[in-house]
C-alpha cells in the first residue's frame, strides 16, 4: 500500500461521511479482530474495502506505455500494469551488515509476457497483509529492472517504488487469463526456467544438510513421473520440507521450477525458494489393501523404470555384505533373487534397507513400493531397494505365483553365453558345459544365518566375526566342479542355494550325511555318479585363483541345459576350428 495512515483516514472520512473518531475506532477494531497481525495502514485499507470505498481515485496515475516485452536490464523508473499469476510468501534473511531483512515476490503478466516482481523490506507489507490476490491487477510504479536468478529479468521495488491494486482506469478484461502451461518430463532441457509440471511421486531418496560457508543448506531429492517419462526432483532449503510431507504415488503440481543436468547429463527438475508445490491428490495406502490388478510384474519392468508396486517371492538371500565406497566409507549390501509368475530377477538392497532385510527368509513374499529398476551385471533388469523403498513382508492379501521350472529354464538357456576358452577375468558370464569332475572336499560349514560368514563354536557359544554372538548357526553347502565345453575346461565354485540346486540336497541334509558317515566329503560321494557327464548352464563372475594362477568361475545361477543344444554347440565349434 503506498498511502500513509493519515491519508487513508482522510479519504475514508471524505468518502463515507463518518467522523474521524468513528473511522479510527473502526481501524482499531479491525486490528484487534486480526490479533495485531496487520499494520495500521493495512487495517485502514480493509476498513475502506468493507465500506466499499475506492481509495485510488486521488492517486497520481502515470501514463503507462511499457509492457513486459519492452523491459531491459538496467531500466529505472519503470511503471506498468500486470495481472498477478502467483504470489510467493514473505521470507526473512540476515543482512551481511547485521539486522533482518524481508523479501517476497509475485509472478505477473500482460499480453506480451510474464515477469517476476520482487518486493524488499517495507514493500513486502501488502503481501503480508494479503491486500491483493491472484488474478488482481497490480500497477507497479517506479521499479527497477535487474537480471535475477538464471539470467531472467525481474522488476525490483525499493526506495520510491509503490504499487496500486486494481487501478480504476484499467479493465482486467484487457489482460489474458492466467493460463499456466505444464511441461512434460520428456520435454525438459537444460536452462529451462519457470517450469510447471503435474507429476506423481514414485520414489523418495534422501535429505542432506550441507554448509555454504556462512550458513547451512538443505537439499532433498525424489523421483517423479508422468505419462512421458521420469526424472529426479531436487528440493532446496525451505522446499526440502516437502520431502516428509509427500508419500509415494502422491500427485503434485510443481510451479516455477528450473532444469539442470545431472552427472549423467540428463535433465532434472529443481525447485528453489521461488517455486512452490501444490498437492493434487494423495495416494491411497496400497500396503493395507493390495489388489492384484494394481501390481506390476517383472515382465512389465525395464531398466530405468520405477516399480511403484510389485509383489515378489524370495528365491535366494545371499546375506549381508560390506563394501568400500569411492569416498573410503563402508557401505552395506544385500543381494536377493526375486520371482513372480512372469520370471525372476536379481535384487540389491543398500544401506539401512539391507540391514533391515538381512533376516528375510527364502520363501517369503514381499510387497515393494518405490523400488528402482537398473541395468545389472549382464545388462539385464535388476531391482534396487534403498531407504525410501517401502517393503512389506508377507502381506496377508498378497499371493505370489512362482514361475514355472520351464520358464526359469528357458530364461537361462536363452541368456547370452561364452565359450570357456574366451572368458576374461572380471567378466560376468554364462557358460554351458559338461561336468567332468566333482572335487572331493569338505562340503559343509557352519554359517551365520544373517551374513553367511563362517562361525566359531566354543563351549556352546556361537560367534560370528561380523554379527557377534548368535543363538544358532546354519549349515551351508559348498561345491566345486570342473566343466568342459569342448574348447577348454574351468573350475566352478558354488555355495548356498546354487550348490543345493546342483546337489539336489539342502545344507541341513548334507550335514546329516556327514554326521552319519563321518566323512566330510560324503555329500560329494552321494551325488558324484549322478553329476558326472551332466550338462549344466552356469552364470557367475570369472576370477583368478592366486594359488593355482588359473581362472575360476564363482557361480550365482545354475540350471541344466538341453543336451542336444550342447552337442550342436560343440559340433559348431569343432567345425569352425576345422575350417581355419
Protein backbone atom coordinates (compact mmCIF):
# COMPACT_ATOMS: atom_id res chain seq x y z
CA UNK A 1 0.00 0.00 0.00
CA UNK A 2 1.50 3.38 -0.97
CA UNK A 3 -0.68 5.73 1.15
CA UNK A 4 0.13 6.71 4.73
CA UNK A 5 -2.39 6.16 7.56
CA UNK A 6 -3.40 9.82 7.81
CA UNK A 7 -4.09 9.95 4.05
CA UNK A 8 -6.22 6.81 4.20
CA UNK A 9 -8.21 8.14 7.19
CA UNK A 10 -8.85 11.45 5.43
CA UNK A 11 -10.06 9.61 2.30
CA UNK A 12 -12.41 7.39 4.31
CA UNK A 13 -13.82 10.41 6.18
CA UNK A 14 -14.42 12.35 2.96
CA UNK A 15 -15.95 9.41 1.07
CA UNK A 16 -18.03 7.82 3.86
CA UNK A 17 -19.36 10.83 5.74
CA UNK A 18 -18.15 9.30 9.01
CA UNK A 19 -16.24 11.32 11.57
CA UNK A 20 -12.52 10.89 12.05
CA UNK A 21 -13.08 9.34 15.51
CA UNK A 22 -15.52 6.81 14.06
CA UNK A 23 -13.01 5.83 11.39
CA UNK A 24 -10.18 5.46 13.91
CA UNK A 25 -12.38 3.25 16.12
CA UNK A 26 -13.19 1.03 13.12
CA UNK A 27 -9.48 0.72 12.37
CA UNK A 28 -8.65 -0.23 15.98
CA UNK A 29 -11.46 -2.81 15.99
CA UNK A 30 -10.10 -4.32 12.79
CA UNK A 31 -6.61 -4.57 14.31
CA UNK A 32 -8.00 -6.39 17.37
CA UNK A 33 -10.03 -8.69 15.14
CA UNK A 34 -6.83 -9.74 13.37
CA UNK A 35 -4.90 -10.11 16.65
CA UNK A 36 -2.45 -7.40 15.71
CA UNK A 37 -1.17 -9.24 12.62
CA UNK A 38 -1.75 -6.23 10.40
CA UNK A 39 -0.30 -2.73 10.14
CA UNK A 40 -2.30 0.44 10.78
CA UNK A 41 -2.36 1.14 7.05
CA UNK A 42 -3.40 -2.45 6.29
CA UNK A 43 -6.26 -2.29 8.82
CA UNK A 44 -7.38 1.06 7.39
CA UNK A 45 -7.37 -0.38 3.86
CA UNK A 46 -9.53 -3.30 5.00
CA UNK A 47 -12.00 -0.89 6.64
CA UNK A 48 -12.19 1.08 3.39
CA UNK A 49 -12.78 -2.13 1.42
CA UNK A 50 -15.61 -3.20 3.78
CA UNK A 51 -17.18 0.26 3.32
CA UNK A 52 -16.89 -0.28 -0.47
CA UNK A 53 -14.72 2.79 -0.89
CA UNK A 54 -12.18 3.39 -3.67
CA UNK A 55 -9.00 4.92 -2.23
CA UNK A 56 -7.15 5.27 -5.52
CA UNK A 57 -9.05 7.97 -7.34
CA UNK A 58 -6.83 10.74 -5.97
CA UNK A 59 -3.54 8.93 -6.58
CA UNK A 60 -1.50 10.05 -9.48
CA UNK A 61 -1.84 7.62 -12.33
CA UNK A 62 1.28 7.87 -14.50
CA UNK A 63 0.98 7.39 -18.20
CA UNK A 64 1.89 3.78 -18.88
CA UNK A 65 3.50 2.88 -22.16
CA UNK A 66 5.73 -0.02 -21.16
CA UNK A 67 4.95 -3.72 -21.47
CA UNK A 68 6.90 -6.76 -20.31
CA UNK A 69 8.33 -7.18 -23.80
CA UNK A 70 9.89 -3.69 -23.66
CA UNK A 71 11.90 -4.24 -20.47
CA UNK A 72 15.70 -4.28 -20.50
CA UNK A 73 18.11 -4.87 -17.61
CA UNK A 74 19.20 -1.55 -16.03
CA UNK A 75 15.99 0.38 -16.71
CA UNK A 76 14.79 2.56 -13.79
CA UNK A 77 11.56 4.41 -13.10
CA UNK A 78 9.63 1.58 -14.74
CA UNK A 79 5.82 1.62 -14.45
CA UNK A 80 3.44 -0.96 -15.95
CA UNK A 81 0.30 -2.96 -15.24
CA UNK A 82 0.46 -6.70 -14.55
CA UNK A 83 -2.07 -9.40 -13.79
CA UNK A 84 -0.98 -11.36 -10.73
CA UNK A 85 -0.38 -15.01 -11.65
CA UNK A 86 1.35 -16.26 -8.50
CA UNK A 87 2.11 -14.84 -5.06
CA UNK A 88 5.13 -16.21 -3.19
CA UNK A 89 5.34 -15.85 0.59
CA UNK A 90 7.46 -13.35 2.51
CA UNK A 91 10.70 -14.73 3.91
CA UNK A 92 13.23 -13.18 6.24
CA UNK A 93 17.01 -13.17 5.91
CA UNK A 94 20.04 -11.88 7.80
CA UNK A 95 21.81 -8.94 6.24
CA UNK A 96 25.61 -9.19 5.95
CA UNK A 97 25.96 -5.88 7.78
CA UNK A 98 23.62 -7.10 10.52
CA UNK A 99 19.89 -6.95 11.09
CA UNK A 100 16.98 -8.73 9.48
CA UNK A 101 15.54 -8.10 6.05
CA UNK A 102 12.42 -9.24 4.21
CA UNK A 103 11.79 -10.26 0.63
CA UNK A 104 8.78 -11.56 -1.30
CA UNK A 105 7.80 -11.83 -4.94
CA UNK A 106 4.95 -12.27 -7.38
CA UNK A 107 4.76 -13.55 -10.93
CA UNK A 108 2.85 -11.14 -13.15
CA UNK A 109 1.97 -10.93 -16.83
CA UNK A 110 0.49 -8.79 -19.54
CA UNK A 111 -0.36 -9.58 -23.14
CA UNK A 112 3.34 -9.63 -24.10
CA UNK A 113 4.82 -11.93 -21.47
CA UNK A 114 5.40 -12.59 -17.79
CA UNK A 115 7.95 -11.33 -15.26
CA UNK A 116 8.76 -11.66 -11.58
CA UNK A 117 8.37 -8.64 -9.30
CA UNK A 118 10.48 -8.65 -6.13
CA UNK A 119 9.36 -6.73 -3.02
CA UNK A 120 12.01 -5.71 -0.49
CA UNK A 121 11.61 -4.90 3.20
CA UNK A 122 8.70 -2.45 3.84
CA UNK A 123 7.33 -3.13 0.35
CA UNK A 124 6.51 -6.71 1.40
CA UNK A 125 3.71 -5.44 3.71
CA UNK A 126 0.88 -5.68 1.12
CA UNK A 127 1.75 -9.35 0.63
CA UNK A 128 1.91 -9.99 4.39
CA UNK A 129 -1.47 -8.26 4.81
CA UNK A 130 -2.94 -10.17 1.85
CA UNK A 131 -4.13 -6.93 0.26
CA UNK A 132 -4.29 -8.47 -3.20
CA UNK A 133 -4.91 -11.93 -4.64
CA UNK A 134 -4.01 -13.88 -7.71
CA UNK A 135 -5.93 -12.57 -10.76
CA UNK A 136 -5.87 -8.99 -9.38
CA UNK A 137 -4.31 -6.23 -11.48
CA UNK A 138 -1.21 -4.63 -9.96
CA UNK A 139 0.21 -1.32 -11.11
CA UNK A 140 3.94 -1.26 -10.45
CA UNK A 141 5.27 2.30 -10.19
CA UNK A 142 8.91 3.40 -10.25
CA UNK A 143 10.51 -0.05 -10.30
CA UNK A 144 13.99 -1.06 -11.42
CA UNK A 145 14.73 -3.86 -13.92
CA UNK A 146 17.52 -6.27 -12.97
CA UNK A 147 18.88 -9.60 -14.09
CA UNK A 148 17.92 -12.18 -11.48
CA UNK A 149 18.48 -15.87 -10.95
CA UNK A 150 19.37 -17.85 -14.06
CA UNK A 151 19.66 -14.59 -16.04
CA UNK A 152 15.92 -13.86 -16.00
CA UNK A 153 14.69 -10.25 -15.94
CA UNK A 154 12.97 -9.08 -12.75
CA UNK A 155 11.41 -5.84 -11.50
CA UNK A 156 12.61 -4.79 -8.04
CA UNK A 157 10.68 -2.47 -5.73
CA UNK A 158 12.57 -0.26 -3.28
CA UNK A 159 13.13 3.37 -2.35
CA UNK A 160 10.41 5.43 -4.06
CA UNK A 161 8.60 2.48 -5.60
CA UNK A 162 4.92 1.88 -4.93
CA UNK A 163 2.03 -0.18 -6.18
CA UNK A 164 -1.64 0.32 -6.92
CA UNK A 165 -4.11 -2.55 -6.61
CA UNK A 166 -6.81 -2.82 -9.29
CA UNK A 167 -6.38 0.79 -10.52
CA UNK A 168 -9.74 2.23 -11.69
CA UNK A 169 -8.55 3.14 -15.20
CA UNK A 170 -7.63 -0.49 -16.04
CA UNK A 171 -10.04 -3.14 -17.24
CA UNK A 172 -8.99 -6.67 -16.25
CA UNK A 173 -10.61 -7.93 -19.46
CA UNK A 174 -7.71 -6.36 -21.35
CA UNK A 175 -5.38 -8.93 -19.75
CA UNK A 176 -5.21 -12.52 -20.89
CA UNK A 177 -6.49 -15.14 -18.48
CA UNK A 178 -3.80 -16.60 -16.28
CA UNK A 179 -3.04 -19.80 -18.15
CA UNK A 180 -0.27 -21.98 -16.83
CA UNK A 181 1.39 -24.23 -19.39
CA UNK A 182 2.53 -27.53 -17.93
CA UNK A 183 5.65 -29.16 -19.32
CA UNK A 184 6.02 -32.90 -19.86
CA UNK A 185 9.08 -34.63 -18.45
CA UNK A 186 10.30 -35.72 -21.89
CA UNK A 187 10.45 -32.03 -22.99
CA UNK A 188 12.71 -30.85 -20.15
CA UNK A 189 16.01 -29.38 -21.32
CA UNK A 190 18.95 -27.63 -19.70
CA UNK A 191 18.35 -23.95 -19.00
CA UNK A 192 14.55 -24.03 -18.87
CA UNK A 193 13.06 -21.71 -16.21
CA UNK A 194 9.63 -21.16 -14.68
CA UNK A 195 8.77 -24.77 -15.46
CA UNK A 196 5.38 -26.04 -14.33
CA UNK A 197 4.57 -29.76 -14.25
CA UNK A 198 1.97 -32.17 -12.92
CA UNK A 199 3.61 -35.40 -11.82
CA UNK A 200 3.42 -38.39 -9.48
CA UNK A 201 5.99 -39.15 -6.77
CA UNK A 202 7.43 -42.61 -7.48
CA UNK A 203 10.45 -42.73 -5.16
CA UNK A 204 11.96 -40.81 -2.24
CA UNK A 205 15.73 -40.71 -1.87
CA UNK A 206 17.18 -38.65 0.96
CA UNK A 207 17.55 -35.27 2.69
CA UNK A 208 21.07 -33.87 3.08
CA UNK A 209 22.37 -30.90 5.05
CA UNK A 210 25.46 -29.07 3.77
CA UNK A 211 27.48 -25.97 4.58
CA UNK A 212 27.55 -22.87 2.40
CA UNK A 213 30.37 -21.36 4.45
CA UNK A 214 28.40 -18.79 6.43
CA UNK A 215 25.19 -20.83 6.66
CA UNK A 216 23.77 -24.33 6.33
CA UNK A 217 21.66 -25.51 3.43
CA UNK A 218 19.34 -28.46 2.91
CA UNK A 219 18.63 -30.44 -0.24
CA UNK A 220 16.23 -33.34 -0.79
CA UNK A 221 15.59 -35.48 -3.84
CA UNK A 222 12.71 -37.57 -5.12
CA UNK A 223 11.80 -39.33 -8.34
CA UNK A 224 8.79 -38.04 -10.27
CA UNK A 225 6.96 -39.45 -13.26
CA UNK A 226 4.28 -38.51 -15.78
CA UNK A 227 2.95 -40.31 -18.86
CA UNK A 228 6.07 -39.39 -20.89
CA UNK A 229 8.88 -40.43 -18.56
CA UNK A 230 10.52 -39.85 -15.20
CA UNK A 231 13.25 -37.70 -13.70
CA UNK A 232 14.66 -36.50 -10.40
CA UNK A 233 13.08 -33.63 -8.46
CA UNK A 234 15.58 -31.69 -6.33
CA UNK A 235 14.19 -29.57 -3.47
CA UNK A 236 16.35 -26.82 -1.99
CA UNK A 237 16.25 -25.35 1.54
CA UNK A 238 12.64 -24.50 2.56
CA UNK A 239 11.29 -26.64 -0.26
CA UNK A 240 13.00 -29.72 1.24
CA UNK A 241 10.32 -29.69 3.96
CA UNK A 242 8.04 -31.26 1.36
CA UNK A 243 10.14 -34.44 1.49
CA UNK A 244 8.45 -35.62 4.67
CA UNK A 245 5.02 -34.35 3.62
CA UNK A 246 4.91 -36.36 0.40
CA UNK A 247 4.24 -40.08 0.03
CA UNK A 248 4.80 -42.47 -2.85
CA UNK A 249 2.16 -42.15 -5.58
CA UNK A 250 1.08 -38.66 -4.43
CA UNK A 251 0.11 -36.47 -7.38
CA UNK A 252 1.54 -32.95 -7.16
CA UNK A 253 1.72 -29.72 -9.14
CA UNK A 254 5.18 -28.14 -9.39
CA UNK A 255 5.33 -24.44 -10.21
CA UNK A 256 8.28 -22.25 -11.23
CA UNK A 257 10.95 -24.93 -11.25
CA UNK A 258 14.13 -24.85 -13.32
CA UNK A 259 16.11 -27.50 -15.16
CA UNK A 260 19.72 -28.56 -14.65
CA UNK A 261 21.72 -31.51 -15.92
CA UNK A 262 22.75 -34.28 -13.54
CA UNK A 263 26.13 -36.04 -13.50
CA UNK A 264 24.99 -38.19 -16.43
CA UNK A 265 23.97 -35.10 -18.43
CA UNK A 266 20.29 -35.97 -18.02
CA UNK A 267 17.82 -33.14 -17.24
CA UNK A 268 16.40 -32.96 -13.71
CA UNK A 269 13.90 -30.52 -12.22
CA UNK A 270 14.95 -28.23 -9.35
CA UNK A 271 12.74 -26.20 -7.03
CA UNK A 272 14.08 -23.25 -5.03
CA UNK A 273 12.56 -20.52 -2.91
CA UNK A 274 10.75 -19.04 -5.90
CA UNK A 275 8.89 -22.21 -6.69
CA UNK A 276 6.04 -23.99 -4.98
CA UNK A 277 4.32 -27.35 -4.74
CA UNK A 278 0.59 -27.97 -4.56
CA UNK A 279 -1.00 -31.30 -3.74
CA UNK A 280 -3.34 -32.61 -6.42
CA UNK A 281 -4.27 -35.91 -4.77
CA UNK A 282 -2.86 -38.07 -2.00
CA UNK A 283 -2.03 -41.69 -2.76
CA UNK A 284 -4.14 -44.46 -1.27
CA UNK A 285 -2.37 -46.86 1.06
CA UNK A 286 -1.67 -49.83 -1.22
CA UNK A 287 0.11 -51.64 1.61
CA UNK A 288 -3.11 -52.05 3.57
CA UNK A 289 -5.30 -53.20 0.67
CA UNK A 290 -3.32 -54.92 -2.04
CA UNK A 291 -5.18 -55.65 -5.23
CA UNK A 292 -3.52 -57.97 -7.78
CA UNK A 293 -4.64 -55.68 -10.61
CA UNK A 294 -2.58 -52.83 -9.12
CA UNK A 295 0.69 -54.76 -9.09
CA UNK A 296 3.28 -54.64 -11.83
CA UNK A 297 5.01 -57.85 -12.87
CA UNK A 298 8.70 -58.41 -13.52
CA UNK A 299 7.91 -58.78 -17.20
CA UNK A 300 6.40 -55.25 -17.20
CA UNK A 301 9.60 -53.60 -15.93
CA UNK A 302 12.66 -52.35 -17.78
CA UNK A 303 15.96 -50.78 -16.65
CA UNK A 304 15.31 -47.12 -15.85
CA UNK A 305 11.74 -47.68 -14.60
CA UNK A 306 10.45 -47.34 -11.06
CA UNK A 307 8.39 -50.15 -9.60
CA UNK A 308 5.57 -48.27 -7.89
CA UNK A 309 4.08 -51.53 -6.53
CA UNK A 310 5.36 -55.03 -7.17
CA UNK A 311 4.87 -58.34 -5.36
CA UNK A 312 7.63 -60.96 -5.36
CA UNK A 313 8.62 -64.25 -3.78
CA UNK A 314 12.12 -64.60 -2.32
CA UNK A 315 14.08 -67.41 -4.02
CA UNK A 316 17.50 -66.55 -2.57
CA UNK A 317 19.05 -64.37 0.14
CA UNK A 318 22.85 -64.19 -0.29
CA UNK A 319 23.40 -62.48 3.05
CA UNK A 320 24.57 -59.06 4.19
CA UNK A 321 27.98 -57.93 2.91
CA UNK A 322 30.12 -54.82 3.23
CA UNK A 323 31.97 -52.85 0.59
CA UNK A 324 34.10 -49.72 0.42
CA UNK A 325 32.63 -46.68 -1.31
CA UNK A 326 34.66 -44.34 -3.50
CA UNK A 327 34.92 -41.90 -0.61
CA UNK A 328 36.50 -44.63 1.55
CA UNK A 329 33.44 -45.15 3.76
CA UNK A 330 31.97 -48.58 4.39
CA UNK A 331 28.61 -49.50 2.85
CA UNK A 332 26.14 -52.36 3.29
CA UNK A 333 24.70 -54.51 0.51
CA UNK A 334 22.30 -57.45 0.35
CA UNK A 335 21.66 -59.49 -2.80
CA UNK A 336 18.40 -61.37 -3.40
CA UNK A 337 16.80 -63.39 -6.14
CA UNK A 338 13.11 -62.49 -6.52
CA UNK A 339 10.44 -64.14 -8.67
CA UNK A 340 6.82 -63.82 -9.68
CA UNK A 341 4.74 -65.75 -12.19
CA UNK A 342 6.46 -63.98 -15.13
CA UNK A 343 10.10 -64.68 -14.25
CA UNK A 344 12.87 -63.95 -11.82
CA UNK A 345 15.28 -61.11 -11.18
CA UNK A 346 18.37 -60.18 -9.18
CA UNK A 347 17.68 -57.58 -6.50
CA UNK A 348 20.05 -55.49 -4.37
CA UNK A 349 19.22 -53.71 -1.11
CA UNK A 350 21.55 -50.95 0.09
CA UNK A 351 22.49 -49.34 3.41
CA UNK A 352 19.89 -49.38 6.16
CA UNK A 353 17.44 -51.17 3.85
CA UNK A 354 19.95 -54.03 3.52
CA UNK A 355 20.34 -54.28 7.30
CA UNK A 356 16.58 -54.31 7.85
CA UNK A 357 16.06 -57.08 5.29
CA UNK A 358 19.03 -59.29 6.23
CA UNK A 359 16.82 -61.84 8.02
CA UNK A 360 14.25 -62.23 5.22
CA UNK A 361 13.77 -65.94 4.68
CA UNK A 362 13.67 -67.82 1.39
CA UNK A 363 10.01 -68.49 0.56
CA UNK A 364 8.80 -65.16 1.96
CA UNK A 365 6.66 -62.80 -0.09
CA UNK A 366 7.41 -59.08 -0.26
CA UNK A 367 5.46 -56.07 -1.42
CA UNK A 368 7.83 -53.39 -2.74
CA UNK A 369 6.68 -49.82 -3.27
CA UNK A 370 9.07 -47.36 -4.90
CA UNK A 371 11.94 -49.65 -5.91
CA UNK A 372 14.15 -48.60 -8.83
CA UNK A 373 14.99 -50.69 -11.87
CA UNK A 374 18.53 -50.68 -13.23
CA UNK A 375 20.65 -52.47 -15.75
CA UNK A 376 22.50 -55.27 -13.94
CA UNK A 377 25.59 -57.39 -14.39
CA UNK A 378 24.63 -58.65 -17.84
CA UNK A 379 22.62 -55.60 -18.87
CA UNK A 380 19.53 -57.38 -17.53
CA UNK A 381 16.84 -55.99 -15.25
CA UNK A 382 17.87 -55.58 -11.62
CA UNK A 383 15.67 -54.32 -8.75
CA UNK A 384 17.30 -51.88 -6.32
CA UNK A 385 15.97 -51.17 -2.84
CA UNK A 386 17.02 -48.18 -0.71
CA UNK A 387 15.90 -46.44 2.49
CA UNK A 388 12.91 -44.83 0.80
CA UNK A 389 11.54 -48.09 -0.63
CA UNK A 390 8.60 -49.38 1.38
CA UNK A 391 8.90 -53.12 1.96
CA UNK A 392 6.01 -55.09 3.47
CA UNK A 393 6.83 -58.66 4.49
CA UNK A 394 4.32 -61.43 3.84
CA UNK A 395 1.24 -59.21 3.35
CA UNK A 396 -1.80 -61.40 4.07
CA UNK A 397 -3.61 -60.38 0.89
CA UNK A 398 -0.58 -60.82 -1.37
CA UNK A 399 -0.37 -64.15 -3.17
CA UNK A 400 2.59 -64.68 -5.50
CA UNK A 401 2.69 -67.49 -8.02
CA UNK A 402 6.27 -68.66 -8.59
CA UNK A 403 7.45 -69.01 -12.19
CA UNK A 404 7.34 -72.50 -13.61
CA UNK A 405 10.53 -74.53 -13.94
CA UNK A 406 10.08 -74.39 -17.72
CA UNK A 407 10.02 -70.58 -17.66
CA UNK A 408 13.12 -70.31 -15.49
CA UNK A 409 14.97 -72.88 -17.60
CA UNK A 410 14.02 -71.05 -20.78
CA UNK A 411 15.10 -67.66 -19.47
CA UNK A 412 18.53 -69.02 -18.56
CA UNK A 413 19.05 -71.06 -21.70
CA UNK A 414 18.28 -68.01 -23.82
CA UNK A 415 20.84 -65.86 -21.97
CA UNK A 416 23.95 -64.85 -23.95
CA UNK A 417 26.83 -67.21 -23.21
CA UNK A 418 30.53 -67.52 -23.94
CA UNK A 419 32.82 -70.41 -24.73
CA UNK A 420 35.16 -71.20 -21.87
CA UNK A 421 38.33 -70.62 -23.92
CA UNK A 422 37.37 -66.95 -24.35
CA UNK A 423 36.40 -65.97 -20.80
CA UNK A 424 38.23 -62.99 -19.24
CA UNK A 425 38.99 -62.24 -15.62
CA UNK A 426 36.46 -59.89 -14.03
CA UNK A 427 33.64 -60.54 -16.51
CA UNK A 428 30.21 -61.85 -15.56
CA UNK A 429 29.47 -64.72 -17.97
CA UNK A 430 27.11 -67.58 -18.70
CA UNK A 431 28.80 -70.78 -19.89
CA UNK A 432 27.43 -74.17 -20.91
CA UNK A 433 29.35 -77.38 -20.50
CA UNK A 434 29.61 -80.92 -19.17
CA UNK A 435 30.60 -81.77 -15.61
CA UNK A 436 33.86 -83.77 -15.92
CA UNK A 437 34.89 -83.71 -12.26
CA UNK A 438 33.29 -83.26 -8.84
CA UNK A 439 36.03 -82.23 -6.43
CA UNK A 440 36.16 -84.06 -3.09
CA UNK A 441 36.40 -81.58 -0.22
CA UNK A 442 34.72 -80.52 3.00
CA UNK A 443 31.17 -79.88 1.83
CA UNK A 444 29.50 -78.01 4.70
CA UNK A 445 30.46 -75.21 7.06
CA UNK A 446 28.55 -73.66 9.95
CA UNK A 447 27.43 -70.17 8.92
CA UNK A 448 25.73 -67.13 10.38
CA UNK A 449 22.08 -67.13 9.20
CA UNK A 450 22.26 -63.34 8.69
CA UNK A 451 25.54 -62.69 6.86
CA UNK A 452 26.53 -66.32 5.97
CA UNK A 453 30.06 -65.89 7.30
CA UNK A 454 31.75 -68.90 8.92
CA UNK A 455 31.12 -69.01 12.67
CA UNK A 456 33.21 -70.33 15.54
CA UNK A 457 31.72 -72.59 18.23
CA UNK A 458 33.24 -72.77 21.71
CA UNK A 459 31.59 -74.11 24.87
CA UNK A 460 28.12 -73.88 23.29
CA UNK A 461 28.77 -70.25 22.34
CA UNK A 462 28.35 -69.47 18.65
CA UNK A 463 30.18 -66.36 17.42
CA UNK A 464 30.07 -64.66 14.03
CA UNK A 465 33.08 -62.46 13.16
CA UNK A 466 30.67 -59.82 11.86
CA UNK A 467 27.42 -60.15 13.82
CA UNK A 468 28.88 -61.24 17.17
CA UNK A 469 27.26 -63.90 19.34
CA UNK A 470 24.29 -65.64 17.70
CA UNK A 471 21.81 -68.18 19.03
CA UNK A 472 22.02 -70.72 16.21
CA UNK A 473 24.18 -71.43 13.17
CA UNK A 474 23.07 -72.66 9.76
CA UNK A 475 24.80 -75.44 7.75
CA UNK A 476 25.83 -74.02 4.35
CA UNK A 477 26.64 -76.32 1.45
CA UNK A 478 29.64 -75.70 -0.82
CA UNK A 479 30.61 -77.49 -4.02
CA UNK A 480 33.41 -77.37 -6.57
CA UNK A 481 33.21 -78.92 -10.02
CA UNK A 482 35.07 -78.80 -13.32
CA UNK A 483 33.10 -78.32 -16.54
CA UNK A 484 34.24 -78.64 -20.15
CA UNK A 485 32.59 -77.22 -23.27
CA UNK A 486 34.97 -78.70 -25.87
CA UNK A 487 37.16 -75.60 -26.08
CA UNK A 488 38.55 -75.59 -22.55
CA UNK A 489 37.63 -76.57 -19.01
CA UNK A 490 37.23 -74.41 -15.91
CA UNK A 491 36.76 -74.96 -12.20
CA UNK A 492 33.49 -73.62 -10.80
CA UNK A 493 32.66 -72.88 -7.15
CA UNK A 494 29.08 -72.98 -5.88
CA UNK A 495 27.84 -72.02 -2.45
CA UNK A 496 24.49 -71.93 -0.67
CA UNK A 497 21.42 -72.04 -2.92
CA UNK A 498 23.37 -72.73 -6.12
CA UNK A 499 25.23 -75.67 -4.51
CA UNK A 500 21.97 -77.07 -3.11
CA UNK A 501 20.37 -76.90 -6.54
CA UNK A 502 23.29 -78.71 -8.15
CA UNK A 503 23.50 -81.44 -5.50
CA UNK A 504 19.74 -81.76 -5.08
CA UNK A 505 20.01 -81.64 -1.26
CA UNK A 506 19.89 -78.91 1.36
CA UNK A 507 22.67 -77.82 3.66
CA UNK A 508 20.92 -79.50 6.59
CA UNK A 509 20.58 -82.78 4.66
CA UNK A 510 24.25 -82.62 3.68
CA UNK A 511 25.27 -82.16 7.31
CA UNK A 512 23.19 -85.22 8.32
CA UNK A 513 25.03 -87.28 5.67
CA UNK A 514 28.37 -86.14 7.10
CA UNK A 515 27.37 -86.92 10.69
CA UNK A 516 26.11 -90.40 9.79
CA UNK A 517 29.17 -91.37 7.69
CA UNK A 518 31.90 -89.45 9.49
CA UNK A 519 33.22 -88.27 6.10
CA UNK A 520 33.47 -84.52 5.37
CA UNK A 521 33.07 -85.20 1.63
CA UNK A 522 30.10 -87.57 1.95
CA UNK A 523 27.71 -85.20 0.12
CA UNK A 524 30.09 -85.33 -2.87
CA UNK A 525 30.17 -89.13 -2.83
CA UNK A 526 26.39 -89.11 -2.56
CA UNK A 527 25.87 -87.24 -5.87
CA UNK A 528 29.09 -87.77 -7.83
CA UNK A 529 27.81 -90.57 -10.08
CA UNK A 530 24.70 -88.55 -10.90
CA UNK A 531 26.56 -85.35 -11.73
CA UNK A 532 29.42 -86.68 -13.87
CA UNK A 533 28.56 -86.25 -17.54
CA UNK A 534 25.68 -83.90 -16.78
CA UNK A 535 25.27 -80.76 -18.94
CA UNK A 536 24.80 -77.57 -16.96
CA UNK A 537 24.35 -73.86 -17.54
CA UNK A 538 26.39 -71.74 -15.08
CA UNK A 539 26.35 -67.97 -14.62
CA UNK A 540 28.79 -66.04 -12.47
CA UNK A 541 31.95 -63.97 -12.16
CA UNK A 542 35.35 -65.02 -13.57
CA UNK A 543 38.26 -64.54 -11.15
CA UNK A 544 41.93 -65.53 -10.96
CA UNK A 545 42.97 -68.04 -8.30
CA UNK A 546 46.21 -66.60 -6.91
CA UNK A 547 47.39 -70.00 -5.70
CA UNK A 548 46.87 -72.00 -8.92
CA UNK A 549 47.12 -69.00 -11.27
CA UNK A 550 44.06 -70.41 -13.08
CA UNK A 551 40.77 -68.74 -13.93
CA UNK A 552 37.75 -69.89 -11.89
CA UNK A 553 34.02 -69.29 -12.06
CA UNK A 554 32.14 -68.15 -8.92
CA UNK A 555 28.61 -69.33 -9.66
CA UNK A 556 25.45 -67.37 -8.87
CA UNK A 557 23.00 -69.35 -11.02
CA UNK A 558 22.87 -72.97 -12.17
CA UNK A 559 20.49 -74.99 -14.33
CA UNK A 560 20.51 -77.99 -16.61
CA UNK A 561 20.59 -77.41 -20.36
CA UNK A 562 19.27 -79.33 -23.27
CA UNK A 563 21.81 -81.98 -24.24
CA UNK A 564 21.02 -81.67 -27.95
CA UNK A 565 21.73 -77.92 -27.82
CA UNK A 566 25.08 -78.56 -26.15
CA UNK A 567 26.07 -81.21 -28.75
CA UNK A 568 25.14 -78.85 -31.58
CA UNK A 569 27.17 -76.08 -29.95
CA UNK A 570 30.27 -78.32 -29.67
CA UNK A 571 29.89 -79.52 -33.26
CA UNK A 572 29.74 -75.93 -34.48
CA UNK A 573 32.90 -75.08 -32.54
CA UNK A 574 34.84 -78.04 -33.92
CA UNK A 575 33.62 -77.30 -37.44
CA UNK A 576 34.89 -73.71 -37.22
CA UNK A 577 38.25 -75.00 -35.99
CA UNK A 578 38.50 -77.42 -38.91
CA UNK A 579 37.88 -74.62 -41.41
CA UNK A 580 40.77 -72.50 -40.12
